[in-house]
Amino acid sequence: LTILRESWWVILATTVLAGAVGWGVAQTREPTYSAAVAVFATVPGAAEPRSAFSGSRDALARMQGYAALAVSRQVLARAIAERQLPTTPSLLADRVSAVVTPGSVLLEVRVTDTDRQRAGTTADAVGRSLSAVAGELEWSGQGPTGALIPVGSAAVAEIRADAVRYVLLAAVLGCVLSCVLVLARGIRSATVLTVGQLDHVVIDAIGDGAR
């Protein structure tokens, strides 16, 4: 504590400088874009209330399966082939997510990319690929048992870096690192800082009885 107290200005300066570096990193980060396209599930059936209710229930039961299908290799490979994207299904899967709106038959497919236009076109391609693959899987001898229908085109939004988070993280790291370095320097200097330390040195040198 004595070492840290005597070097408080070093710790403070390092913490402030590290926070400033964190702010600079947040401001210079390459922008990231998120494109979202919505699809809704439908199950064919008669117009009577019982059939409509049964179809709605069956569609809800399929939603988690559709969400998993959205990031499957089969869907992503088809989207890559359609847009001739310079990537692989496994790499694209890291940038694709599918979220089901609770209690509804609406599924949102989201794609992140550093290019705004590519994010939108990729999201649209994944939505179309998901609808096509789902239609193939849902096809039976009597016709489709379910379908996914895209709702419009993808909406693109810019994801801004959280400057506050970067500043706080950098400041904490700077503070911890400066404390460690200050303590290491103080310990290596072998300087007596307190009366208690002096007593300890004397006792070690001449013994407690001679003191």
Protein backbone atom coordinates (compact mmCIF):
# COMPACT_ATOMS: atom_id res chain seq x y z
CA LEU A 1 0.00 0.00 0.00
CA THR A 2 2.87 2.38 0.75
CA ILE A 3 4.43 1.75 -2.65
CA LEU A 4 1.12 2.32 -4.40
CA ARG A 5 0.39 5.45 -2.38
CA GLU A 6 3.75 7.01 -3.19
CA SER A 7 3.28 6.30 -6.92
CA TRP A 8 -0.39 7.31 -7.17
CA TRP A 9 0.31 9.86 -9.89
CA VAL A 10 1.89 7.20 -12.12
CA ILE A 11 -1.14 4.95 -11.70
CA LEU A 12 -3.55 7.81 -12.34
CA ALA A 13 -1.69 9.02 -15.43
CA THR A 14 -1.52 5.49 -16.86
CA THR A 15 -5.22 4.91 -16.22
CA VAL A 16 -6.21 8.15 -17.95
CA LEU A 17 -3.88 7.48 -20.88
CA ALA A 18 -5.21 3.94 -21.30
CA GLY A 19 -8.79 5.26 -21.27
CA ALA A 20 -7.89 7.76 -23.98
CA VAL A 21 -6.38 4.96 -26.07
CA GLY A 22 -9.57 2.93 -25.62
CA TRP A 23 -11.65 5.87 -26.83
CA GLY A 24 -9.39 6.27 -29.86
CA VAL A 25 -9.70 2.57 -30.73
CA ALA A 26 -13.50 2.80 -30.52
CA GLN A 27 -13.55 5.79 -32.87
CA THR A 28 -11.28 4.20 -35.47
CA ARG A 29 -12.92 0.78 -35.58
CA GLU A 30 -14.12 -0.38 -38.97
CA PRO A 31 -17.92 0.02 -39.11
CA THR A 32 -20.05 -3.11 -39.00
CA TYR A 33 -23.49 -3.48 -40.54
CA SER A 34 -26.37 -5.75 -39.56
CA ALA A 35 -29.01 -6.75 -42.11
CA ALA A 36 -32.24 -8.41 -40.99
CA VAL A 37 -34.85 -10.11 -43.12
CA ALA A 38 -38.09 -11.53 -41.71
CA VAL A 39 -39.86 -14.70 -42.83
CA PHE A 40 -43.10 -16.13 -41.50
CA ALA A 41 -44.24 -19.72 -41.38
CA THR A 42 -47.52 -20.97 -42.71
CA VAL A 43 -49.16 -24.38 -42.77
CA PRO A 44 -51.75 -24.97 -45.53
CA GLY A 45 -55.22 -25.98 -44.38
CA ALA A 46 -58.89 -25.42 -44.80
CA ALA A 47 -60.47 -22.08 -43.95
CA GLU A 48 -62.66 -23.49 -41.17
CA PRO A 49 -61.73 -22.44 -37.60
CA ARG A 50 -60.58 -25.88 -36.46
CA SER A 51 -58.21 -26.27 -39.41
CA ALA A 52 -56.91 -22.71 -39.03
CA PHE A 53 -56.19 -23.28 -35.35
CA SER A 54 -54.46 -26.58 -36.06
CA GLY A 55 -52.38 -24.97 -38.80
CA SER A 56 -51.32 -22.12 -36.53
CA ARG A 57 -50.31 -24.57 -33.80
CA ASP A 58 -48.32 -26.69 -36.25
CA ALA A 59 -46.52 -23.61 -37.57
CA LEU A 60 -45.54 -22.53 -34.05
CA ALA A 61 -44.17 -26.01 -33.36
CA ARG A 62 -41.91 -25.74 -36.42
CA MET A 63 -40.29 -22.36 -35.56
CA GLN A 64 -37.28 -23.60 -33.58
CA GLY A 65 -36.57 -26.13 -36.32
CA TYR A 66 -36.68 -23.36 -38.92
CA ALA A 67 -34.29 -21.26 -36.80
CA ALA A 68 -31.78 -24.11 -36.71
CA LEU A 69 -32.25 -24.70 -40.45
CA ALA A 70 -31.38 -21.04 -41.18
CA VAL A 71 -27.76 -21.54 -40.09
CA SER A 72 -27.40 -25.02 -41.58
CA ARG A 73 -24.78 -25.81 -44.19
CA GLN A 74 -27.43 -26.65 -46.77
CA VAL A 75 -29.07 -23.22 -46.56
CA LEU A 76 -25.84 -21.21 -46.36
CA ALA A 77 -24.17 -23.09 -49.22
CA ARG A 78 -27.13 -22.30 -51.46
CA ALA A 79 -27.01 -18.62 -50.49
CA ILE A 80 -23.26 -18.49 -51.19
CA ALA A 81 -23.76 -20.07 -54.61
CA GLU A 82 -26.58 -17.63 -55.47
CA ARG A 83 -24.56 -14.49 -54.65
CA GLN A 84 -21.14 -16.03 -55.48
CA LEU A 85 -19.84 -14.91 -52.11
CA PRO A 86 -16.11 -15.32 -51.36
CA THR A 87 -16.66 -17.36 -48.20
CA THR A 88 -17.58 -20.81 -46.93
CA PRO A 89 -20.69 -22.06 -45.11
CA SER A 90 -18.77 -22.45 -41.84
CA LEU A 91 -17.41 -18.89 -42.00
CA LEU A 92 -20.77 -17.45 -43.00
CA ALA A 93 -22.45 -19.29 -40.14
CA ASP A 94 -20.42 -17.17 -37.69
CA ARG A 95 -22.10 -14.04 -39.11
CA VAL A 96 -25.67 -15.38 -39.37
CA SER A 97 -28.22 -15.68 -36.59
CA ALA A 98 -31.91 -16.61 -36.56
CA VAL A 99 -34.27 -15.51 -33.80
CA VAL A 100 -37.90 -16.52 -33.38
CA THR A 101 -40.30 -13.84 -32.16
CA PRO A 102 -41.80 -15.42 -29.00
CA GLY A 103 -45.31 -16.73 -29.47
CA SER A 104 -45.42 -15.97 -33.20
CA VAL A 105 -44.65 -17.57 -36.54
CA LEU A 106 -42.19 -14.79 -37.43
CA LEU A 107 -38.48 -15.60 -37.80
CA GLU A 108 -35.80 -12.92 -38.17
CA VAL A 109 -32.62 -13.86 -40.02
CA ARG A 110 -29.75 -11.45 -39.33
CA VAL A 111 -26.40 -11.15 -41.13
CA THR A 112 -23.44 -8.98 -40.06
CA ASP A 113 -20.80 -7.70 -42.47
CA THR A 114 -18.29 -4.88 -42.83
CA ASP A 115 -19.87 -3.91 -46.17
CA ARG A 116 -23.35 -2.39 -46.06
CA GLN A 117 -24.55 -3.56 -49.46
CA ARG A 118 -23.12 -7.06 -49.05
CA ALA A 119 -24.83 -7.42 -45.68
CA GLY A 120 -28.21 -6.68 -47.26
CA THR A 121 -27.79 -8.89 -50.32
CA THR A 122 -26.46 -11.77 -48.19
CA ALA A 123 -29.41 -11.53 -45.80
CA ASP A 124 -31.86 -11.58 -48.71
CA ALA A 125 -30.06 -14.57 -50.23
CA VAL A 126 -30.14 -16.48 -46.93
CA GLY A 127 -33.86 -15.71 -46.56
CA ARG A 128 -34.65 -17.00 -50.03
CA SER A 129 -32.44 -20.05 -49.54
CA LEU A 130 -34.14 -20.82 -46.23
CA SER A 131 -37.57 -20.60 -47.83
CA ALA A 132 -36.51 -22.86 -50.70
CA VAL A 133 -34.91 -25.52 -48.50
CA ALA A 134 -37.83 -25.46 -46.06
CA GLY A 135 -40.24 -25.91 -48.96
CA GLU A 136 -38.29 -28.92 -50.21
CA LEU A 137 -38.22 -30.50 -46.76
CA GLU A 138 -41.92 -29.82 -46.20
CA TRP A 139 -43.01 -31.33 -49.53
CA SER A 140 -45.02 -34.51 -49.43
CA GLY A 141 -47.00 -36.57 -51.93
CA GLN A 142 -50.10 -34.45 -51.28
CA GLY A 143 -48.24 -31.13 -51.54
CA PRO A 144 -46.45 -28.83 -49.11
CA THR A 145 -47.08 -29.41 -45.41
CA GLY A 146 -45.56 -26.05 -44.47
CA ALA A 147 -43.78 -23.06 -45.98
CA LEU A 148 -41.64 -20.06 -45.10
CA ILE A 149 -42.40 -16.78 -46.85
CA PRO A 150 -39.96 -13.81 -46.81
CA VAL A 151 -41.44 -10.46 -45.74
CA GLY A 152 -39.94 -7.77 -47.95
CA SER A 153 -36.22 -7.14 -48.36
CA ALA A 154 -33.52 -6.89 -45.71
CA ALA A 155 -33.25 -3.79 -43.54
CA VAL A 156 -29.64 -2.70 -42.90
CA ALA A 157 -28.43 -0.83 -39.82
CA GLU A 158 -24.95 0.28 -38.75
CA ILE A 159 -23.56 -1.21 -35.54
CA ARG A 160 -21.61 1.46 -33.68
CA ALA A 161 -18.77 0.61 -31.31
CA ASP A 162 -19.62 1.16 -27.63
CA ALA A 163 -17.06 3.87 -26.79
CA VAL A 164 -17.89 3.80 -23.06
CA ARG A 165 -17.21 0.06 -22.87
CA TYR A 166 -13.86 0.47 -24.64
CA VAL A 167 -12.82 3.36 -22.36
CA LEU A 168 -13.75 1.50 -19.17
CA LEU A 169 -12.05 -1.71 -20.24
CA ALA A 170 -8.86 0.08 -21.29
CA ALA A 171 -8.80 2.18 -18.10
CA VAL A 172 -9.17 -0.91 -15.88
CA LEU A 173 -6.41 -2.73 -17.76
CA GLY A 174 -4.16 0.35 -17.56
CA CYS A 175 -4.77 0.70 -13.82
CA VAL A 176 -4.06 -2.97 -13.10
CA LEU A 177 -0.93 -3.03 -15.28
CA SER A 178 0.47 0.17 -13.76
CA CYS A 179 -0.13 -1.17 -10.22
CA VAL A 180 1.71 -4.38 -11.03
CA LEU A 181 4.66 -2.53 -12.57
CA VAL A 182 4.86 -0.03 -9.71
CA LEU A 183 4.82 -2.84 -7.15
CA ALA A 184 7.46 -4.80 -9.06
CA ARG A 185 9.72 -1.75 -9.24
CA GLY A 186 9.22 -0.95 -5.56
CA ILE A 187 9.94 -4.49 -4.45
CA ARG A 188 13.06 -4.78 -6.62
CA SER A 189 14.44 -1.49 -5.34
CA ALA A 190 14.88 -3.02 -1.83
CA THR A 191 14.03 0.36 -0.27
CA VAL A 192 12.83 0.53 3.35
CA LEU A 193 9.53 2.43 3.27
CA THR A 194 8.07 1.98 6.75
CA VAL A 195 9.19 1.64 10.37
CA GLY A 196 7.77 -1.88 10.41
CA GLN A 197 10.03 -2.86 7.53
CA LEU A 198 13.02 -1.33 9.33
CA ASP A 199 12.24 -3.37 12.45
CA HIS A 200 12.04 -6.49 10.34
CA VAL A 201 15.46 -5.79 8.80
CA VAL A 202 17.05 -5.12 12.21
CA ILE A 203 15.58 -8.28 13.74
CA ASP A 204 16.85 -10.37 10.83
CA ALA A 205 20.33 -8.82 11.17
CA ILE A 206 20.98 -8.89 14.94
CA GLY A 207 18.26 -11.11 16.32
CA ASP A 208 15.24 -10.31 18.43
CA GLY A 209 17.10 -10.65 21.76
CA ALA A 210 19.89 -8.18 20.85
CA ARG A 211 17.35 -5.62 19.71
